[in-house]
């Protein structure tokens, strides 16, 4: 599955050719430098590794500096591998958003926004328990019972409770490609993409 690394710029809205007003996300896709080509004979599987985003040399480990030097490129911030590709890329090649010219839909992987420690109503969509009358006090957003008493005398693993929310890797499937602007390395897709503005995402065919 061929793909590239990009950055979420932000959201906007556009009118389609049919005159429909749709919400869209603007992505900066590539250009990405091929930093490694893995083969079945040497690595056990076929894949190409790409790098995106400029990094400072002082913040890059020496082994990675050698890795980037082999690809004849400057230090990069993000690396990603993509398997099962059909194109014959070589070490040091630059891949641009043009590889998506013929695609009507793409998959996007990103890290969702972090929301800190949240209760069960926000985290899991609980309705809350009890009423707001008859002397009820501070139980509306409580989770209620989390287990039985004498048996099994414990709380089952996986019980939905309050806790850290967000910062999960999320994959959104079949986002419609509204427009590609190759001169600015931009892609506009219909709908929302996980993550905050400026976060890195993977865009796949």
C-alpha atoms as a PDB file:
ATOM      1  CA  UNK A   1       0.000   0.000   0.000  1.00  0.00           C
ATOM      2  CA  UNK A   2       1.735   3.143  -1.224  1.00  0.00           C
ATOM      3  CA  UNK A   3       1.664   6.248   0.913  1.00  0.00           C
ATOM      4  CA  UNK A   4       3.397   9.388   2.135  1.00  0.00           C
ATOM      5  CA  UNK A   5       3.910  11.376   5.329  1.00  0.00           C
ATOM      6  CA  UNK A   6       2.212  14.737   5.643  1.00  0.00           C
ATOM      7  CA  UNK A   7       1.096  17.431   8.022  1.00  0.00           C
ATOM      8  CA  UNK A   8      -2.390  18.558   8.978  1.00  0.00           C
ATOM      9  CA  UNK A   9      -2.720  22.248   8.132  1.00  0.00           C
ATOM     10  CA  UNK A  10      -6.283  22.817   9.283  1.00  0.00           C
ATOM     11  CA  UNK A  11      -9.929  22.686   8.270  1.00  0.00           C
ATOM     12  CA  UNK A  12     -11.934  24.705   5.787  1.00  0.00           C
ATOM     13  CA  UNK A  13     -15.008  24.221   3.612  1.00  0.00           C
ATOM     14  CA  UNK A  14     -15.509  24.096  -0.144  1.00  0.00           C
ATOM     15  CA  UNK A  15     -18.293  23.882  -2.671  1.00  0.00           C
ATOM     16  CA  UNK A  16     -18.356  20.781  -4.875  1.00  0.00           C
ATOM     17  CA  UNK A  17     -19.150  20.859  -8.591  1.00  0.00           C
ATOM     18  CA  UNK A  18     -22.723  19.969  -7.668  1.00  0.00           C
ATOM     19  CA  UNK A  19     -22.919  23.060  -5.452  1.00  0.00           C
ATOM     20  CA  UNK A  20     -22.827  21.154  -2.162  1.00  0.00           C
ATOM     21  CA  UNK A  21     -21.041  22.793   0.769  1.00  0.00           C
ATOM     22  CA  UNK A  22     -18.720  20.257   2.444  1.00  0.00           C
ATOM     23  CA  UNK A  23     -16.244  20.462   5.370  1.00  0.00           C
ATOM     24  CA  UNK A  24     -12.670  19.679   4.343  1.00  0.00           C
ATOM     25  CA  UNK A  25      -9.223  19.180   5.837  1.00  0.00           C
ATOM     26  CA  UNK A  26      -6.113  20.635   4.196  1.00  0.00           C
ATOM     27  CA  UNK A  27      -3.034  18.362   4.288  1.00  0.00           C
ATOM     28  CA  UNK A  28       0.518  19.152   3.281  1.00  0.00           C
ATOM     29  CA  UNK A  29       1.683  15.880   1.701  1.00  0.00           C
ATOM     30  CA  UNK A  30       5.409  15.429   1.088  1.00  0.00           C
ATOM     31  CA  UNK A  31       7.685  15.760  -0.668  1.00  0.00           C
ATOM     32  CA  UNK A  32       9.221  12.740   1.048  1.00  0.00           C
ATOM     33  CA  UNK A  33      12.725  11.363   0.479  1.00  0.00           C
ATOM     34  CA  UNK A  34      13.194   7.599   0.144  1.00  0.00           C
ATOM     35  CA  UNK A  35      15.730   6.733   2.867  1.00  0.00           C
ATOM     36  CA  UNK A  36      15.653   2.936   2.605  1.00  0.00           C
ATOM     37  CA  UNK A  37      14.323   0.267   0.251  1.00  0.00           C
ATOM     38  CA  UNK A  38      13.660  -3.096   1.924  1.00  0.00           C
ATOM     39  CA  UNK A  39      13.497  -6.295  -0.104  1.00  0.00           C
ATOM     40  CA  UNK A  40      12.237  -9.825   0.444  1.00  0.00           C
ATOM     41  CA  UNK A  41      15.742 -11.279   0.063  1.00  0.00           C
ATOM     42  CA  UNK A  42      17.490  -8.996   2.538  1.00  0.00           C
ATOM     43  CA  UNK A  43      14.807  -7.941   5.030  1.00  0.00           C
ATOM     44  CA  UNK A  44      12.091 -10.575   4.669  1.00  0.00           C
ATOM     45  CA  UNK A  45       9.508  -8.215   3.195  1.00  0.00           C
ATOM     46  CA  UNK A  46       9.176  -5.502   0.556  1.00  0.00           C
ATOM     47  CA  UNK A  47       8.796  -1.925   1.755  1.00  0.00           C
ATOM     48  CA  UNK A  48      10.117   1.550   1.230  1.00  0.00           C
ATOM     49  CA  UNK A  49      10.985   3.948   4.022  1.00  0.00           C
ATOM     50  CA  UNK A  50      10.353   7.664   3.554  1.00  0.00           C
ATOM     51  CA  UNK A  51      11.345  10.698   5.630  1.00  0.00           C
ATOM     52  CA  UNK A  52       9.577  14.040   6.021  1.00  0.00           C
ATOM     53  CA  UNK A  53      10.065  17.324   7.882  1.00  0.00           C
ATOM     54  CA  UNK A  54      13.349  19.117   8.453  1.00  0.00           C
ATOM     55  CA  UNK A  55      15.159  18.453  11.741  1.00  0.00           C
ATOM     56  CA  UNK A  56      18.203  20.075  13.328  1.00  0.00           C
ATOM     57  CA  UNK A  57      21.477  18.211  13.044  1.00  0.00           C
ATOM     58  CA  UNK A  58      22.268  18.771  16.735  1.00  0.00           C
ATOM     59  CA  UNK A  59      19.053  16.953  17.691  1.00  0.00           C
ATOM     60  CA  UNK A  60      19.687  13.971  15.402  1.00  0.00           C
ATOM     61  CA  UNK A  61      21.569  10.898  16.701  1.00  0.00           C
ATOM     62  CA  UNK A  62      24.793  10.060  14.843  1.00  0.00           C
ATOM     63  CA  UNK A  63      23.522   6.668  13.576  1.00  0.00           C
ATOM     64  CA  UNK A  64      20.534   8.435  12.038  1.00  0.00           C
ATOM     65  CA  UNK A  65      22.816  11.071  10.506  1.00  0.00           C
ATOM     66  CA  UNK A  66      24.631   8.246   8.701  1.00  0.00           C
ATOM     67  CA  UNK A  67      21.286   6.808   7.631  1.00  0.00           C
ATOM     68  CA  UNK A  68      20.243  10.136   6.105  1.00  0.00           C
ATOM     69  CA  UNK A  69      23.671  10.615   4.532  1.00  0.00           C
ATOM     70  CA  UNK A  70      23.262   7.335   2.640  1.00  0.00           C
ATOM     71  CA  UNK A  71      20.043   8.718   1.179  1.00  0.00           C
ATOM     72  CA  UNK A  72      21.774  12.012   0.323  1.00  0.00           C
ATOM     73  CA  UNK A  73      19.364  14.085   2.393  1.00  0.00           C
ATOM     74  CA  UNK A  74      19.293  16.405   5.380  1.00  0.00           C
ATOM     75  CA  UNK A  75      18.096  15.199   8.827  1.00  0.00           C
ATOM     76  CA  UNK A  76      14.352  14.594   8.953  1.00  0.00           C
ATOM     77  CA  UNK A  77      11.826  14.531  11.784  1.00  0.00           C
ATOM     78  CA  UNK A  78       9.516  11.673  10.818  1.00  0.00           C
ATOM     79  CA  UNK A  79      10.149   8.257   9.245  1.00  0.00           C
ATOM     80  CA  UNK A  80       7.560   5.768   8.033  1.00  0.00           C
ATOM     81  CA  UNK A  81       7.453   2.506   6.100  1.00  0.00           C
ATOM     82  CA  UNK A  82       4.928   1.516   3.447  1.00  0.00           C
ATOM     83  CA  UNK A  83       4.594  -2.072   2.213  1.00  0.00           C
ATOM     84  CA  UNK A  84       3.140  -3.723  -0.884  1.00  0.00           C
ATOM     85  CA  UNK A  85       3.873  -0.884  -3.265  1.00  0.00           C
ATOM     86  CA  UNK A  86       3.883  -1.203  -7.052  1.00  0.00           C
ATOM     87  CA  UNK A  87       6.190   1.682  -8.004  1.00  0.00           C
ATOM     88  CA  UNK A  88       9.927   1.116  -8.289  1.00  0.00           C
ATOM     89  CA  UNK A  89      11.420   3.740  -5.991  1.00  0.00           C
ATOM     90  CA  UNK A  90      15.164   4.030  -5.464  1.00  0.00           C
ATOM     91  CA  UNK A  91      17.221   5.283  -2.539  1.00  0.00           C
ATOM     92  CA  UNK A  92      17.293   9.079  -2.562  1.00  0.00           C
ATOM     93  CA  UNK A  93      14.185   9.550  -4.737  1.00  0.00           C
ATOM     94  CA  UNK A  94      11.702  12.294  -3.860  1.00  0.00           C
ATOM     95  CA  UNK A  95       8.026  11.317  -3.849  1.00  0.00           C
ATOM     96  CA  UNK A  96       5.397  14.040  -4.129  1.00  0.00           C
ATOM     97  CA  UNK A  97       1.649  14.297  -3.727  1.00  0.00           C
ATOM     98  CA  UNK A  98       1.285  13.518  -7.451  1.00  0.00           C
ATOM     99  CA  UNK A  99       1.211   9.782  -6.673  1.00  0.00           C
ATOM    100  CA  UNK A 100      -2.393  10.349  -5.519  1.00  0.00           C
ATOM    101  CA  UNK A 101      -3.510  11.956  -8.803  1.00  0.00           C
ATOM    102  CA  UNK A 102      -5.589   8.939  -9.818  1.00  0.00           C
ATOM    103  CA  UNK A 103      -7.016   8.204  -6.354  1.00  0.00           C
ATOM    104  CA  UNK A 104     -10.527   9.236  -5.395  1.00  0.00           C
ATOM    105  CA  UNK A 105     -10.217   7.999  -1.811  1.00  0.00           C
ATOM    106  CA  UNK A 106      -7.354   7.759   0.720  1.00  0.00           C
ATOM    107  CA  UNK A 107      -6.819   6.444   4.254  1.00  0.00           C
ATOM    108  CA  UNK A 108      -5.274   8.757   6.855  1.00  0.00           C
ATOM    109  CA  UNK A 109      -3.539   7.730  10.109  1.00  0.00           C
ATOM    110  CA  UNK A 110      -2.927  10.260  12.862  1.00  0.00           C
ATOM    111  CA  UNK A 111      -2.744  10.667  16.644  1.00  0.00           C
ATOM    112  CA  UNK A 112      -5.926  12.067  18.156  1.00  0.00           C
ATOM    113  CA  UNK A 113      -5.922  15.141  20.371  1.00  0.00           C
ATOM    114  CA  UNK A 114      -5.089  14.530  24.029  1.00  0.00           C
ATOM    115  CA  UNK A 115      -7.893  15.416  26.433  1.00  0.00           C
ATOM    116  CA  UNK A 116      -6.293  14.527  29.769  1.00  0.00           C
ATOM    117  CA  UNK A 117      -8.025  12.582  32.559  1.00  0.00           C
ATOM    118  CA  UNK A 118     -11.753  12.418  31.815  1.00  0.00           C
ATOM    119  CA  UNK A 119     -14.806  10.794  33.384  1.00  0.00           C
ATOM    120  CA  UNK A 120     -16.922   8.029  31.886  1.00  0.00           C
ATOM    121  CA  UNK A 121     -19.501  10.391  30.347  1.00  0.00           C
ATOM    122  CA  UNK A 122     -16.935  12.125  28.138  1.00  0.00           C
ATOM    123  CA  UNK A 123     -14.612   9.140  27.729  1.00  0.00           C
ATOM    124  CA  UNK A 124     -17.125   6.376  26.967  1.00  0.00           C
ATOM    125  CA  UNK A 125     -20.399   8.185  26.336  1.00  0.00           C
ATOM    126  CA  UNK A 126     -22.154   7.016  29.527  1.00  0.00           C
ATOM    127  CA  UNK A 127     -25.532   8.630  30.206  1.00  0.00           C
ATOM    128  CA  UNK A 128     -24.928   8.887  33.938  1.00  0.00           C
ATOM    129  CA  UNK A 129     -27.097   7.293  36.640  1.00  0.00           C
ATOM    130  CA  UNK A 130     -29.897   8.372  38.888  1.00  0.00           C
ATOM    131  CA  UNK A 131     -32.079  11.458  38.788  1.00  0.00           C
ATOM    132  CA  UNK A 132     -31.537  15.079  39.678  1.00  0.00           C
ATOM    133  CA  UNK A 133     -34.393  15.004  42.200  1.00  0.00           C
ATOM    134  CA  UNK A 134     -35.298  13.225  45.472  1.00  0.00           C
ATOM    135  CA  UNK A 135     -32.164  14.412  47.247  1.00  0.00           C
ATOM    136  CA  UNK A 136     -29.757  12.952  44.686  1.00  0.00           C
ATOM    137  CA  UNK A 137     -26.323  14.464  45.121  1.00  0.00           C
ATOM    138  CA  UNK A 138     -23.321  14.428  42.711  1.00  0.00           C
ATOM    139  CA  UNK A 139     -24.225  11.054  41.122  1.00  0.00           C
ATOM    140  CA  UNK A 140     -25.381  12.233  37.692  1.00  0.00           C
ATOM    141  CA  UNK A 141     -22.064  11.672  35.892  1.00  0.00           C
ATOM    142  CA  UNK A 142     -20.933   8.734  38.024  1.00  0.00           C
ATOM    143  CA  UNK A 143     -20.271   5.324  36.410  1.00  0.00           C
ATOM    144  CA  UNK A 144     -22.499   3.345  38.813  1.00  0.00           C
ATOM    145  CA  UNK A 145     -21.688  -0.210  39.852  1.00  0.00           C
ATOM    146  CA  UNK A 146     -18.450  -1.668  38.479  1.00  0.00           C
ATOM    147  CA  UNK A 147     -18.835  -5.253  39.701  1.00  0.00           C
ATOM    148  CA  UNK A 148     -20.537  -7.780  41.964  1.00  0.00           C
ATOM    149  CA  UNK A 149     -19.801  -8.400  45.644  1.00  0.00           C
ATOM    150  CA  UNK A 150     -19.113 -11.921  46.885  1.00  0.00           C
ATOM    151  CA  UNK A 151     -18.614 -13.305  43.404  1.00  0.00           C
ATOM    152  CA  UNK A 152     -16.377 -12.717  41.510  1.00  0.00           C
ATOM    153  CA  UNK A 153     -15.050 -10.398  44.256  1.00  0.00           C
ATOM    154  CA  UNK A 154     -13.060  -8.407  41.756  1.00  0.00           C
ATOM    155  CA  UNK A 155     -13.477  -5.984  38.888  1.00  0.00           C
ATOM    156  CA  UNK A 156     -13.185  -7.536  35.441  1.00  0.00           C
ATOM    157  CA  UNK A 157     -10.339  -6.391  33.210  1.00  0.00           C
ATOM    158  CA  UNK A 158     -11.367  -3.902  30.547  1.00  0.00           C
ATOM    159  CA  UNK A 159     -14.077  -2.284  32.661  1.00  0.00           C
ATOM    160  CA  UNK A 160     -14.881   1.107  31.180  1.00  0.00           C
ATOM    161  CA  UNK A 161     -13.895   3.682  33.766  1.00  0.00           C
ATOM    162  CA  UNK A 162     -12.480   7.194  34.000  1.00  0.00           C
ATOM    163  CA  UNK A 163      -8.932   7.717  32.756  1.00  0.00           C
ATOM    164  CA  UNK A 164      -6.552   9.221  30.225  1.00  0.00           C
ATOM    165  CA  UNK A 165      -8.428  10.189  27.062  1.00  0.00           C
ATOM    166  CA  UNK A 166      -7.075  10.885  23.598  1.00  0.00           C
ATOM    167  CA  UNK A 167      -3.556  10.552  22.117  1.00  0.00           C
ATOM    168  CA  UNK A 168      -4.633   7.335  20.381  1.00  0.00           C
ATOM    169  CA  UNK A 169      -3.495   6.249  16.933  1.00  0.00           C
ATOM    170  CA  UNK A 170      -6.593   6.589  14.750  1.00  0.00           C
ATOM    171  CA  UNK A 171      -7.035   5.433  11.152  1.00  0.00           C
ATOM    172  CA  UNK A 172      -9.797   7.072   9.106  1.00  0.00           C
ATOM    173  CA  UNK A 173     -10.788   5.062   6.029  1.00  0.00           C
ATOM    174  CA  UNK A 174     -11.977   6.199   2.605  1.00  0.00           C
ATOM    175  CA  UNK A 175     -11.693   9.967   2.857  1.00  0.00           C
ATOM    176  CA  UNK A 176     -12.740  11.497  -0.448  1.00  0.00           C
ATOM    177  CA  UNK A 177     -10.037  13.502  -2.226  1.00  0.00           C
ATOM    178  CA  UNK A 178     -11.620  16.838  -3.145  1.00  0.00           C
ATOM    179  CA  UNK A 179      -8.600  18.542  -4.688  1.00  0.00           C
ATOM    180  CA  UNK A 180      -4.836  18.176  -5.147  1.00  0.00           C
ATOM    181  CA  UNK A 181      -2.580  21.223  -5.566  1.00  0.00           C
ATOM    182  CA  UNK A 182       0.811  19.727  -6.598  1.00  0.00           C
ATOM    183  CA  UNK A 183       2.664  23.051  -6.843  1.00  0.00           C
ATOM    184  CA  UNK A 184       2.057  23.645  -3.115  1.00  0.00           C
ATOM    185  CA  UNK A 185       2.170  19.947  -2.071  1.00  0.00           C
ATOM    186  CA  UNK A 186      -1.387  20.214  -0.786  1.00  0.00           C
ATOM    187  CA  UNK A 187      -4.250  17.736  -0.674  1.00  0.00           C
ATOM    188  CA  UNK A 188      -7.794  18.619   0.372  1.00  0.00           C
ATOM    189  CA  UNK A 189      -9.923  15.753   1.677  1.00  0.00           C
ATOM    190  CA  UNK A 190     -13.568  15.670   2.680  1.00  0.00           C
ATOM    191  CA  UNK A 191     -14.238  15.379   6.387  1.00  0.00           C
ATOM    192  CA  UNK A 192     -12.008  15.499   9.448  1.00  0.00           C
ATOM    193  CA  UNK A 193      -8.600  14.017  10.177  1.00  0.00           C
ATOM    194  CA  UNK A 194      -7.374  13.012  13.663  1.00  0.00           C
ATOM    195  CA  UNK A 195      -4.881  15.256  15.418  1.00  0.00           C
ATOM    196  CA  UNK A 196      -4.260  18.938  16.044  1.00  0.00           C
ATOM    197  CA  UNK A 197      -3.197  21.445  13.417  1.00  0.00           C
ATOM    198  CA  UNK A 198       0.478  20.904  12.610  1.00  0.00           C
ATOM    199  CA  UNK A 199       0.465  17.233  13.617  1.00  0.00           C
ATOM    200  CA  UNK A 200       2.039  14.592  11.365  1.00  0.00           C
ATOM    201  CA  UNK A 201      -0.145  12.086   9.551  1.00  0.00           C
ATOM    202  CA  UNK A 202       0.289   9.175   7.149  1.00  0.00           C
ATOM    203  CA  UNK A 203      -1.695   9.250   3.932  1.00  0.00           C
ATOM    204  CA  UNK A 204      -2.180   5.925   2.161  1.00  0.00           C
ATOM    205  CA  UNK A 205      -3.795   4.801  -1.071  1.00  0.00           C
END
